[in-house]
C-alpha atoms as a PDB file:
ATOM      1  CA  MET A   1      -5.236  -0.881 -19.846  1.00  0.00           C
ATOM      2  CA  THR A   2      -6.486  -4.468 -19.909  1.00  0.00           C
ATOM      3  CA  LEU A   3      -5.180  -6.833 -17.228  1.00  0.00           C
ATOM      4  CA  PRO A   4      -2.624  -9.123 -18.919  1.00  0.00           C
ATOM      5  CA  CYS A   5      -3.559 -12.369 -17.174  1.00  0.00           C
ATOM      6  CA  THR A   6      -7.322 -12.540 -16.668  1.00  0.00           C
ATOM      7  CA  ALA A   7      -7.529 -15.805 -18.617  1.00  0.00           C
ATOM      8  CA  THR A   8      -5.490 -17.686 -16.019  1.00  0.00           C
ATOM      9  CA  LEU A   9      -6.650 -15.862 -12.860  1.00  0.00           C
ATOM     10  CA  THR A  10      -9.932 -17.734 -12.737  1.00  0.00           C
ATOM     11  CA  PRO A  11     -12.436 -17.360  -9.873  1.00  0.00           C
ATOM     12  CA  VAL A  12     -12.155 -19.712  -6.888  1.00  0.00           C
ATOM     13  CA  ARG A  13     -14.443 -20.458  -3.942  1.00  0.00           C
ATOM     14  CA  ALA A  14     -11.978 -19.725  -1.108  1.00  0.00           C
ATOM     15  CA  LEU A  15      -8.661 -17.942  -0.586  1.00  0.00           C
ATOM     16  CA  VAL A  16      -6.821 -21.190   0.036  1.00  0.00           C
ATOM     17  CA  ASP A  17      -7.859 -22.403  -3.423  1.00  0.00           C
ATOM     18  CA  LEU A  18      -5.700 -19.651  -4.948  1.00  0.00           C
ATOM     19  CA  VAL A  19      -2.581 -21.660  -4.092  1.00  0.00           C
ATOM     20  CA  GLU A  20      -3.613 -24.609  -6.253  1.00  0.00           C
ATOM     21  CA  ARG A  21      -4.888 -22.335  -9.017  1.00  0.00           C
ATOM     22  CA  ASP A  22      -1.575 -20.464  -9.233  1.00  0.00           C
ATOM     23  CA  LYS A  23       0.802 -23.443  -9.246  1.00  0.00           C
ATOM     24  CA  GLU A  24       1.133 -23.275 -13.021  1.00  0.00           C
ATOM     25  CA  HIS A  25       0.408 -19.569 -13.380  1.00  0.00           C
ATOM     26  CA  ASP A  26       2.775 -17.857 -15.817  1.00  0.00           C
ATOM     27  CA  CYS A  27       1.530 -14.674 -17.471  1.00  0.00           C
ATOM     28  CA  ASP A  28       3.006 -11.926 -19.655  1.00  0.00           C
ATOM     29  CA  GLY A  29       3.363  -9.829 -16.524  1.00  0.00           C
ATOM     30  CA  PHE A  30       2.534  -6.328 -15.360  1.00  0.00           C
ATOM     31  CA  GLY A  31       4.523  -3.204 -16.191  1.00  0.00           C
ATOM     32  CA  ALA A  32       7.858  -2.604 -17.886  1.00  0.00           C
ATOM     33  CA  HIS A  33       9.494  -5.472 -15.988  1.00  0.00           C
ATOM     34  CA  ALA A  34       6.735  -7.973 -16.853  1.00  0.00           C
ATOM     35  CA  ILE A  35       6.122  -8.832 -13.208  1.00  0.00           C
ATOM     36  CA  CYS A  36       4.251 -12.077 -12.651  1.00  0.00           C
ATOM     37  CA  VAL A  37       2.886 -12.912  -9.203  1.00  0.00           C
ATOM     38  CA  LYS A  38       1.676 -16.210  -7.728  1.00  0.00           C
ATOM     39  CA  VAL A  39      -0.222 -16.898  -4.519  1.00  0.00           C
ATOM     40  CA  ASP A  40       2.096 -19.248  -2.640  1.00  0.00           C
ATOM     41  CA  ALA A  41       0.476 -19.747   0.785  1.00  0.00           C
ATOM     42  CA  VAL A  42      -2.609 -18.739   2.810  1.00  0.00           C
ATOM     43  CA  ALA A  43      -3.100 -18.907   6.603  1.00  0.00           C
ATOM     44  CA  ASP A  44      -5.103 -17.412   9.473  1.00  0.00           C
ATOM     45  CA  LEU A  45      -3.606 -14.365  11.198  1.00  0.00           C
ATOM     46  CA  PRO A  46      -5.358 -13.070  14.331  1.00  0.00           C
ATOM     47  CA  THR A  47      -4.088  -9.572  15.238  1.00  0.00           C
ATOM     48  CA  ARG A  48      -4.782  -6.925  17.841  1.00  0.00           C
ATOM     49  CA  PHE A  49      -6.794  -5.147  15.143  1.00  0.00           C
ATOM     50  CA  GLY A  50      -8.979  -8.104  14.168  1.00  0.00           C
ATOM     51  CA  ARG A  51      -8.853 -11.460  12.436  1.00  0.00           C
ATOM     52  CA  PHE A  52      -7.259 -11.615   9.004  1.00  0.00           C
ATOM     53  CA  ARG A  53      -6.098 -14.158   6.479  1.00  0.00           C
ATOM     54  CA  ILE A  54      -2.491 -13.698   5.399  1.00  0.00           C
ATOM     55  CA  VAL A  55      -1.726 -14.354   1.733  1.00  0.00           C
ATOM     56  CA  ALA A  56       1.917 -14.757   0.675  1.00  0.00           C
ATOM     57  CA  PHE A  57       2.968 -13.953  -2.892  1.00  0.00           C
ATOM     58  CA  TRP A  58       5.922 -15.080  -5.002  1.00  0.00           C
ATOM     59  CA  ASN A  59       7.042 -12.839  -7.853  1.00  0.00           C
ATOM     60  CA  ASN A  60       9.479 -13.313 -10.730  1.00  0.00           C
ATOM     61  CA  ARG A  61      11.472 -10.108 -10.322  1.00  0.00           C
ATOM     62  CA  ASP A  62      12.975  -9.274  -6.961  1.00  0.00           C
ATOM     63  CA  GLY A  63      12.629 -12.373  -4.786  1.00  0.00           C
ATOM     64  CA  LYS A  64      10.910 -10.301  -2.103  1.00  0.00           C
ATOM     65  CA  GLU A  65       8.005 -11.799  -0.203  1.00  0.00           C
ATOM     66  CA  HIS A  66       5.037  -9.447  -0.444  1.00  0.00           C
ATOM     67  CA  ILE A  67       1.884 -10.250   1.513  1.00  0.00           C
ATOM     68  CA  ALA A  68      -1.781  -9.338   1.757  1.00  0.00           C
ATOM     69  CA  LEU A  69      -3.818  -9.188   4.950  1.00  0.00           C
ATOM     70  CA  VAL A  70      -7.366 -10.018   3.913  1.00  0.00           C
ATOM     71  CA  HIS A  71     -10.486  -9.386   5.976  1.00  0.00           C
ATOM     72  CA  GLY A  72     -13.804 -10.885   4.923  1.00  0.00           C
ATOM     73  CA  ASP A  73     -14.639 -12.240   1.484  1.00  0.00           C
ATOM     74  CA  VAL A  74     -12.851 -10.193  -1.174  1.00  0.00           C
ATOM     75  CA  LEU A  75     -12.967 -12.760  -3.982  1.00  0.00           C
ATOM     76  CA  GLY A  76     -14.793 -11.204  -6.909  1.00  0.00           C
ATOM     77  CA  ALA A  77     -15.833  -8.245  -4.734  1.00  0.00           C
ATOM     78  CA  GLU A  78     -16.300  -4.625  -5.774  1.00  0.00           C
ATOM     79  CA  ASN A  79     -15.320  -1.415  -3.980  1.00  0.00           C
ATOM     80  CA  VAL A  80     -12.999  -3.269  -1.606  1.00  0.00           C
ATOM     81  CA  VAL A  81     -11.344  -0.943   0.925  1.00  0.00           C
ATOM     82  CA  THR A  82      -7.650  -1.394   0.163  1.00  0.00           C
ATOM     83  CA  ARG A  83      -4.425  -0.023   1.592  1.00  0.00           C
ATOM     84  CA  LEU A  84      -1.019  -0.268  -0.123  1.00  0.00           C
ATOM     85  CA  HIS A  85       1.520  -0.109   2.694  1.00  0.00           C
ATOM     86  CA  SER A  86       5.225  -0.048   1.887  1.00  0.00           C
ATOM     87  CA  GLU A  87       7.537  -1.736   4.357  1.00  0.00           C
ATOM     88  CA  CYS A  88       9.111   0.542   6.977  1.00  0.00           C
ATOM     89  CA  LEU A  89      11.283  -1.336   9.464  1.00  0.00           C
ATOM     90  CA  THR A  90      12.127   1.774  11.472  1.00  0.00           C
ATOM     91  CA  GLY A  91       8.496   2.831  11.781  1.00  0.00           C
ATOM     92  CA  ASP A  92       6.479  -0.387  11.644  1.00  0.00           C
ATOM     93  CA  ALA A  93       8.729  -2.477  13.915  1.00  0.00           C
ATOM     94  CA  LEU A  94      10.897  -0.017  15.844  1.00  0.00           C
ATOM     95  CA  GLY A  95       8.346   2.737  16.461  1.00  0.00           C
ATOM     96  CA  SER A  96      10.315   5.568  14.829  1.00  0.00           C
ATOM     97  CA  LEU A  97       8.707   8.988  15.148  1.00  0.00           C
ATOM     98  CA  ARG A  98      10.507  10.318  12.049  1.00  0.00           C
ATOM     99  CA  CYS A  99       7.591   9.071   9.907  1.00  0.00           C
ATOM    100  CA  ASP A 100       3.902   8.226  10.291  1.00  0.00           C
ATOM    101  CA  CYS A 101       4.209   4.673   8.938  1.00  0.00           C
ATOM    102  CA  ARG A 102       3.439   2.701  12.103  1.00  0.00           C
ATOM    103  CA  ASP A 103       0.329   4.752  12.820  1.00  0.00           C
ATOM    104  CA  GLN A 104      -0.760   4.492   9.184  1.00  0.00           C
ATOM    105  CA  LEU A 105      -0.384   0.713   9.340  1.00  0.00           C
ATOM    106  CA  GLY A 106      -2.319   0.331  12.588  1.00  0.00           C
ATOM    107  CA  VAL A 107      -5.126   2.701  11.634  1.00  0.00           C
ATOM    108  CA  ALA A 108      -5.453   1.041   8.216  1.00  0.00           C
ATOM    109  CA  LEU A 109      -5.799  -2.421   9.751  1.00  0.00           C
ATOM    110  CA  GLU A 110      -8.356  -1.112  12.230  1.00  0.00           C
ATOM    111  CA  ARG A 111     -10.314   0.516   9.420  1.00  0.00           C
ATOM    112  CA  ILE A 112     -10.237  -2.612   7.261  1.00  0.00           C
ATOM    113  CA  ALA A 113     -11.265  -4.837  10.183  1.00  0.00           C
ATOM    114  CA  ALA A 114     -14.344  -2.627  10.640  1.00  0.00           C
ATOM    115  CA  GLU A 115     -15.417  -3.143   7.011  1.00  0.00           C
ATOM    116  CA  PRO A 116     -17.354  -6.118   5.590  1.00  0.00           C
ATOM    117  CA  CYS A 117     -14.196  -6.886   3.627  1.00  0.00           C
ATOM    118  CA  GLY A 118     -10.863  -5.277   2.899  1.00  0.00           C
ATOM    119  CA  ILE A 119      -7.204  -5.769   1.989  1.00  0.00           C
ATOM    120  CA  LEU A 120      -3.899  -4.413   3.206  1.00  0.00           C
ATOM    121  CA  LEU A 121      -1.045  -5.162   0.822  1.00  0.00           C
ATOM    122  CA  TYR A 122       2.294  -5.074   2.648  1.00  0.00           C
ATOM    123  CA  LEU A 123       4.860  -4.301  -0.039  1.00  0.00           C
ATOM    124  CA  ARG A 124       8.583  -4.861   0.493  1.00  0.00           C
ATOM    125  CA  GLN A 125       9.625  -1.404  -0.699  1.00  0.00           C
ATOM    126  CA  GLU A 126      11.649  -0.075   2.219  1.00  0.00           C
ATOM    127  CA  GLY A 127      12.502   3.630   2.121  1.00  0.00           C
ATOM    128  CA  ARG A 128      10.240   4.430  -0.846  1.00  0.00           C
ATOM    129  CA  GLY A 129      12.035   1.730  -2.771  1.00  0.00           C
ATOM    130  CA  ILE A 130      15.677   2.677  -2.047  1.00  0.00           C
ATOM    131  CA  GLY A 131      16.270   0.015   0.626  1.00  0.00           C
ATOM    132  CA  LEU A 132      17.134   0.159   4.308  1.00  0.00           C
ATOM    133  CA  LEU A 133      20.823   1.057   3.979  1.00  0.00           C
ATOM    134  CA  ASN A 134      20.117   3.959   1.639  1.00  0.00           C
ATOM    135  CA  LYS A 135      17.209   5.029   3.832  1.00  0.00           C
ATOM    136  CA  VAL A 136      19.598   5.434   6.775  1.00  0.00           C
ATOM    137  CA  ARG A 137      21.975   7.350   4.499  1.00  0.00           C
ATOM    138  CA  ALA A 138      19.052   9.616   3.576  1.00  0.00           C
ATOM    139  CA  TYR A 139      18.256  10.080   7.269  1.00  0.00           C
ATOM    140  CA  SER A 140      21.838  11.249   7.807  1.00  0.00           C
ATOM    141  CA  LEU A 141      21.444  13.840   5.049  1.00  0.00           C
ATOM    142  CA  GLN A 142      18.128  14.926   6.569  1.00  0.00           C
ATOM    143  CA  ASP A 143      19.898  15.386   9.916  1.00  0.00           C
ATOM    144  CA  SER A 144      22.111  17.882   8.050  1.00  0.00           C
ATOM    145  CA  GLY A 145      19.098  19.852   6.823  1.00  0.00           C
ATOM    146  CA  LEU A 146      17.909  18.270   3.586  1.00  0.00           C
ATOM    147  CA  ASP A 147      14.275  17.273   3.191  1.00  0.00           C
ATOM    148  CA  THR A 148      13.173  13.789   2.111  1.00  0.00           C
ATOM    149  CA  VAL A 149      13.101  14.648  -1.579  1.00  0.00           C
ATOM    150  CA  ASP A 150      16.502  16.354  -1.726  1.00  0.00           C
ATOM    151  CA  ALA A 151      18.108  13.597   0.353  1.00  0.00           C
ATOM    152  CA  ASN A 152      16.935  10.961  -2.131  1.00  0.00           C
ATOM    153  CA  LEU A 153      18.105  13.078  -5.065  1.00  0.00           C
ATOM    154  CA  ALA A 154      21.499  13.597  -3.425  1.00  0.00           C
ATOM    155  CA  LEU A 155      21.899   9.816  -3.241  1.00  0.00           C
ATOM    156  CA  GLY A 156      21.130   9.469  -6.948  1.00  0.00           C
ATOM    157  CA  PHE A 157      17.526   8.315  -6.610  1.00  0.00           C
ATOM    158  CA  ARG A 158      14.207   9.777  -7.640  1.00  0.00           C
ATOM    159  CA  ASP A 159      11.850  11.245  -5.050  1.00  0.00           C
ATOM    160  CA  ASP A 160       9.972   7.933  -4.993  1.00  0.00           C
ATOM    161  CA  GLU A 161      11.381   4.695  -6.430  1.00  0.00           C
ATOM    162  CA  ARG A 162       8.376   2.522  -5.603  1.00  0.00           C
ATOM    163  CA  ASP A 163       6.593   0.491  -8.242  1.00  0.00           C
ATOM    164  CA  TYR A 164       3.050  -0.827  -7.912  1.00  0.00           C
ATOM    165  CA  ALA A 165       3.057  -3.588 -10.538  1.00  0.00           C
ATOM    166  CA  VAL A 166       3.276  -6.249  -7.817  1.00  0.00           C
ATOM    167  CA  ALA A 167       0.347  -4.623  -6.005  1.00  0.00           C
ATOM    168  CA  ALA A 168      -1.755  -4.514  -9.165  1.00  0.00           C
ATOM    169  CA  HIS A 169      -1.052  -8.162  -9.972  1.00  0.00           C
ATOM    170  CA  ALA A 170      -1.759  -9.180  -6.354  1.00  0.00           C
ATOM    171  CA  LEU A 171      -5.180  -7.516  -6.509  1.00  0.00           C
ATOM    172  CA  ALA A 172      -5.854  -9.230  -9.824  1.00  0.00           C
ATOM    173  CA  SER A 173      -4.760 -12.542  -8.286  1.00  0.00           C
ATOM    174  CA  LEU A 174      -7.321 -12.009  -5.521  1.00  0.00           C
ATOM    175  CA  THR A 175      -9.954 -11.495  -8.284  1.00  0.00           C
ATOM    176  CA  VAL A 176     -10.935  -8.123  -6.826  1.00  0.00           C
ATOM    177  CA  LYS A 177     -13.106  -6.219  -9.301  1.00  0.00           C
ATOM    178  CA  SER A 178     -12.590  -2.705  -7.917  1.00  0.00           C
ATOM    179  CA  VAL A 179     -11.093  -0.960  -4.884  1.00  0.00           C
ATOM    180  CA  GLN A 180     -11.582   2.043  -2.677  1.00  0.00           C
ATOM    181  CA  LEU A 181      -8.000   3.098  -2.021  1.00  0.00           C
ATOM    182  CA  LEU A 182      -7.055   4.222   1.485  1.00  0.00           C
ATOM    183  CA  THR A 183      -4.367   6.801   0.686  1.00  0.00           C
ATOM    184  CA  ASN A 184      -3.302  10.433   0.590  1.00  0.00           C
ATOM    185  CA  ASN A 185      -1.009   9.768  -2.364  1.00  0.00           C
ATOM    186  CA  PRO A 186      -2.593  10.421  -5.790  1.00  0.00           C
ATOM    187  CA  LYS A 187       0.277   8.525  -7.470  1.00  0.00           C
ATOM    188  CA  LYS A 188      -0.994   5.243  -5.997  1.00  0.00           C
ATOM    189  CA  VAL A 189      -4.378   5.811  -7.629  1.00  0.00           C
ATOM    190  CA  THR A 190      -2.769   6.683 -10.962  1.00  0.00           C
ATOM    191  CA  GLU A 191      -0.402   3.703 -10.862  1.00  0.00           C
ATOM    192  CA  LEU A 192      -3.091   1.139 -10.074  1.00  0.00           C
ATOM    193  CA  GLU A 193      -5.319   2.521 -12.812  1.00  0.00           C
ATOM    194  CA  ARG A 194      -2.387   2.433 -15.240  1.00  0.00           C
ATOM    195  CA  TYR A 195      -2.060  -1.292 -14.574  1.00  0.00           C
ATOM    196  CA  GLY A 196      -5.766  -1.905 -15.157  1.00  0.00           C
ATOM    197  CA  ILE A 197      -7.136  -1.867 -11.590  1.00  0.00           C
ATOM    198  CA  THR A 198     -10.434  -0.004 -11.176  1.00  0.00           C
ATOM    199  CA  VAL A 199     -10.271   2.553  -8.348  1.00  0.00           C
ATOM    200  CA  THR A 200     -13.756   3.774  -7.468  1.00  0.00           C
ATOM    201  CA  ALA A 201     -12.830   6.054  -4.556  1.00  0.00           C
ATOM    202  CA  ARG A 202      -9.949   7.496  -2.566  1.00  0.00           C
ATOM    203  CA  ILE A 203     -10.364   7.434   1.203  1.00  0.00           C
ATOM    204  CA  PRO A 204      -8.208   9.984   3.092  1.00  0.00           C
ATOM    205  CA  HIS A 205      -5.709   8.422   5.485  1.00  0.00           C
ATOM    206  CA  VAL A 206      -4.344  11.332   7.501  1.00  0.00           C
ATOM    207  CA  ILE A 207      -2.327  10.861  10.693  1.00  0.00           C
ATOM    208  CA  PRO A 208      -1.730  13.972  12.849  1.00  0.00           C
ATOM    209  CA  ALA A 209       1.867  15.174  12.884  1.00  0.00           C
ATOM    210  CA  ASN A 210       4.234  15.019  15.832  1.00  0.00           C
ATOM    211  CA  GLU A 211       7.247  17.222  16.551  1.00  0.00           C
ATOM    212  CA  HIS A 212       9.616  14.754  14.871  1.00  0.00           C
ATOM    213  CA  ASN A 213       7.762  14.127  11.603  1.00  0.00           C
ATOM    214  CA  ARG A 214       6.045  17.458  10.868  1.00  0.00           C
ATOM    215  CA  PHE A 215       8.739  18.532   8.378  1.00  0.00           C
ATOM    216  CA  TYR A 216       8.586  15.094   6.729  1.00  0.00           C
ATOM    217  CA  LEU A 217       4.803  15.384   6.314  1.00  0.00           C
ATOM    218  CA  GLU A 218       5.107  18.981   5.070  1.00  0.00           C
ATOM    219  CA  THR A 219       7.511  17.714   2.414  1.00  0.00           C
ATOM    220  CA  LYS A 220       5.045  14.987   1.424  1.00  0.00           C
ATOM    221  CA  ALA A 221       2.330  17.607   1.007  1.00  0.00           C
ATOM    222  CA  ASN A 222       4.354  20.417  -0.564  1.00  0.00           C
ATOM    223  CA  ARG A 223       6.808  18.539  -2.783  1.00  0.00           C
ATOM    224  CA  SER A 224       5.380  15.066  -3.362  1.00  0.00           C
ATOM    225  CA  GLY A 225       1.765  16.070  -3.932  1.00  0.00           C
ATOM    226  CA  HIS A 226       0.185  14.137  -1.074  1.00  0.00           C
ATOM    227  CA  PHE A 227      -3.222  15.315   0.139  1.00  0.00           C
ATOM    228  CA  ILE A 228      -2.365  16.026   3.775  1.00  0.00           C
ATOM    229  CA  ASP A 229      -3.719  18.502   6.284  1.00  0.00           C
ATOM    230  CA  LEU A 230      -1.114  18.686   9.042  1.00  0.00           C
ATOM    231  CA  ASP A 231      -3.776  19.199  11.698  1.00  0.00           C
ATOM    232  CA  GLY A 232      -5.156  15.751  10.889  1.00  0.00           C
ATOM    233  CA  LYS A 233      -8.178  16.944   8.921  1.00  0.00           C
ATOM    234  CA  PRO A 234      -9.168  15.167   5.700  1.00  0.00           C
ATOM    235  CA  HIS A 235      -8.370  16.837   2.396  1.00  0.00           C
ATOM    236  CA  VAL A 236     -11.554  17.965   0.672  1.00  0.00           C
ATOM    237  CA  ALA A 237     -12.512  16.804  -2.802  1.00  0.00           C
ATOM    238  CA  GLU A 238     -10.319  18.323  -5.498  1.00  0.00           C
ATOM    239  CA  GLN A 239     -11.702  19.693  -8.723  1.00  0.00           C
ATOM    240  CA  GLY A 240     -10.723  17.263 -11.449  1.00  0.00           C
ATOM    241  CA  ASP A 241      -9.973  14.375  -9.094  1.00  0.00           C
ATOM    242  CA  PRO A 242     -10.163  11.135 -11.108  1.00  0.00           C
ATOM    243  CA  VAL A 243     -11.941   9.312  -8.277  1.00  0.00           C
ATOM    244  CA  VAL A 244     -14.453  10.175  -5.592  1.00  0.00           C
ATOM    245  CA  VAL A 245     -13.017  11.179  -2.223  1.00  0.00           C
ATOM    246  CA  ALA A 246     -14.827   9.025   0.312  1.00  0.00           C
ATOM    247  CA  SER A 247     -15.472   9.866   3.961  1.00  0.00           C
ATOM    248  CA  PRO A 248     -12.462   9.495   6.266  1.00  0.00           C
ATOM    249  CA  PHE A 249     -12.296   7.050   9.138  1.00  0.00           C
ATOM    250  CA  THR A 250     -12.102   8.101  12.782  1.00  0.00           C
ATOM    251  CA  PRO A 251      -9.976   5.442  14.464  1.00  0.00           C
ATOM    252  CA  LYS A 252     -10.126   4.260  18.013  1.00  0.00           C
ATOM    253  CA  ARG A 253      -6.948   4.670  20.023  1.00  0.00           C
ATOM    254  CA  VAL A 254      -4.433   2.105  18.790  1.00  0.00           C
ATOM    255  CA  THR A 255      -2.197   0.577  21.445  1.00  0.00           C
ATOM    256  CA  THR A 256       1.475   0.209  20.579  1.00  0.00           C
ATOM    257  CA  GLU A 257       2.800  -2.055  23.298  1.00  0.00           C
END
């Protein structure tokens, strides 16, 4: 697929210049919902994992404020290490042990900060796209014995309601030429490629299980097709994989104070 808005997403010299470039941006949009994204603001963001630039995006569909944390010079770059991280209030902010989201976020930022350049897209897709209220409802069903997939189905949703059109447009807005995707989820690779983003490699992003999330991770692996070894070992290259499986990253201990 050809990117629908390359004519207007012209190269710029610095991230902050994207704001001025996108003031009049209005494209045909990505995906079935014709999602158009604009860079709205750029600022410095020092973190415990390293120094980043935070890029805030406006989009024409859901009014949600998606962001990118950018390390180094990604403008026009190839093979940029990239993580698509979906919002998880319970994990990211509250430290829930029911999932591996907080550890995935921290390890991804540490990995990206160690690279010459990289991007973490923080996507407002709580609960695999079903929202916080429905996520808690799904938790209640899981407390009664259902797994993640069956809980979502029982609530009338698909296994995974997330959409990556915003992510694809955001990467195009950043003028990234190709990415190495930090993920265990083959659907993310397929979705980005469907929207015209070149994925040159998949980098395993495995977090060891704990007693509270082992069943959740087993469900990811066994029912949702994620490449996860529950002992924290990287999944080896699969025959027929559409992209190269790059070497995994061994993180330093991430503090969670």
